[in-house]
Protein backbone atom coordinates (compact mmCIF):
# COMPACT_ATOMS: atom_id res chain seq x y z
CA UNK A 1 103.43 94.29 94.35
CA UNK A 2 101.40 96.87 96.11
CA UNK A 3 98.73 99.08 95.12
CA UNK A 4 97.87 102.23 95.76
CA UNK A 5 95.13 104.69 96.46
CA UNK A 6 94.32 108.21 95.73
CA UNK A 7 94.12 109.72 99.48
CA UNK A 8 93.10 113.76 99.54
CA UNK A 9 95.68 115.91 100.92
CA UNK A 10 93.93 117.38 104.46
CA UNK A 11 96.57 118.99 106.64
CA UNK A 12 100.37 120.25 105.75
CA UNK A 13 103.10 121.03 108.30
CA UNK A 14 106.17 121.58 106.42
CA UNK A 15 106.95 118.47 104.77
CA UNK A 16 104.68 116.06 106.95
CA UNK A 17 101.22 115.80 105.01
CA UNK A 18 98.02 114.32 106.59
CA UNK A 19 96.40 112.06 104.07
CA UNK A 20 92.85 111.11 104.54
CA UNK A 21 91.70 107.61 102.78
CA UNK A 22 88.14 106.46 102.72
CA UNK A 23 87.78 105.55 106.98
CA UNK A 24 91.53 106.66 107.53
CA UNK A 25 93.85 109.02 107.93
CA UNK A 26 97.47 108.10 107.45
CA UNK A 27 101.16 110.27 107.44
CA UNK A 28 102.86 111.29 104.55
CA UNK A 29 106.14 112.79 103.75
CA UNK A 30 106.06 114.99 100.82
CA UNK A 31 109.94 115.08 98.69
CA UNK A 32 109.66 117.99 96.74
CA UNK A 33 106.01 117.88 94.90
CA UNK A 34 104.41 121.38 94.86
CA UNK A 35 101.29 120.02 97.22
CA UNK A 36 97.97 122.02 98.45
CA UNK A 37 95.63 120.97 100.86
CA UNK A 38 92.30 119.76 99.69
CA UNK A 39 94.79 117.99 96.49
CA UNK A 40 94.84 114.23 95.72
CA UNK A 41 97.82 112.10 96.08
CA UNK A 42 99.27 108.42 95.77
CA UNK A 43 101.45 107.60 98.36
CA UNK A 44 104.42 104.33 98.65
CA UNK A 45 106.46 103.81 101.42
CA UNK A 46 104.74 106.81 103.60
CA UNK A 47 106.14 109.13 100.76
CA UNK A 48 103.99 111.17 98.50
CA UNK A 49 104.85 109.85 94.64
CA UNK A 50 102.74 111.77 92.43
CA UNK A 51 99.97 114.46 92.69
CA UNK A 52 96.67 112.96 90.78
CA UNK A 53 93.78 115.29 89.47
CA UNK A 54 90.67 115.31 91.70
CA UNK A 55 88.36 112.74 88.59
CA UNK A 56 90.65 110.55 88.07
CA UNK A 57 90.83 110.28 92.13
CA UNK A 58 87.40 110.55 92.48
CA UNK A 59 86.76 107.71 89.57
CA UNK A 60 89.15 105.41 91.48
CA UNK A 61 87.96 105.86 94.84
CA UNK A 62 84.36 105.01 93.50
CA UNK A 63 85.88 101.63 91.35
CA UNK A 64 88.06 101.03 94.65
CA UNK A 65 84.67 100.82 96.91
CA UNK A 66 82.41 98.89 94.20
CA UNK A 67 85.69 96.14 94.62
CA UNK A 68 85.28 96.43 98.58
CA UNK A 69 81.49 96.00 98.91
């Protein structure tokens, strides 16, 4: 099983999206979602599978930080 944590979209070049996570940046593909810079997304297998509300993303990232420390 794979866990997805929210990442913030920081760059968009057509369907190539750069997503920032705590401590790293990764590339992902957008396959038809309405994604804008600043949105929070979930990525699986290098594909954006869901856009999530900012407040939910921040809450999840806080919980992830607590688990990692």
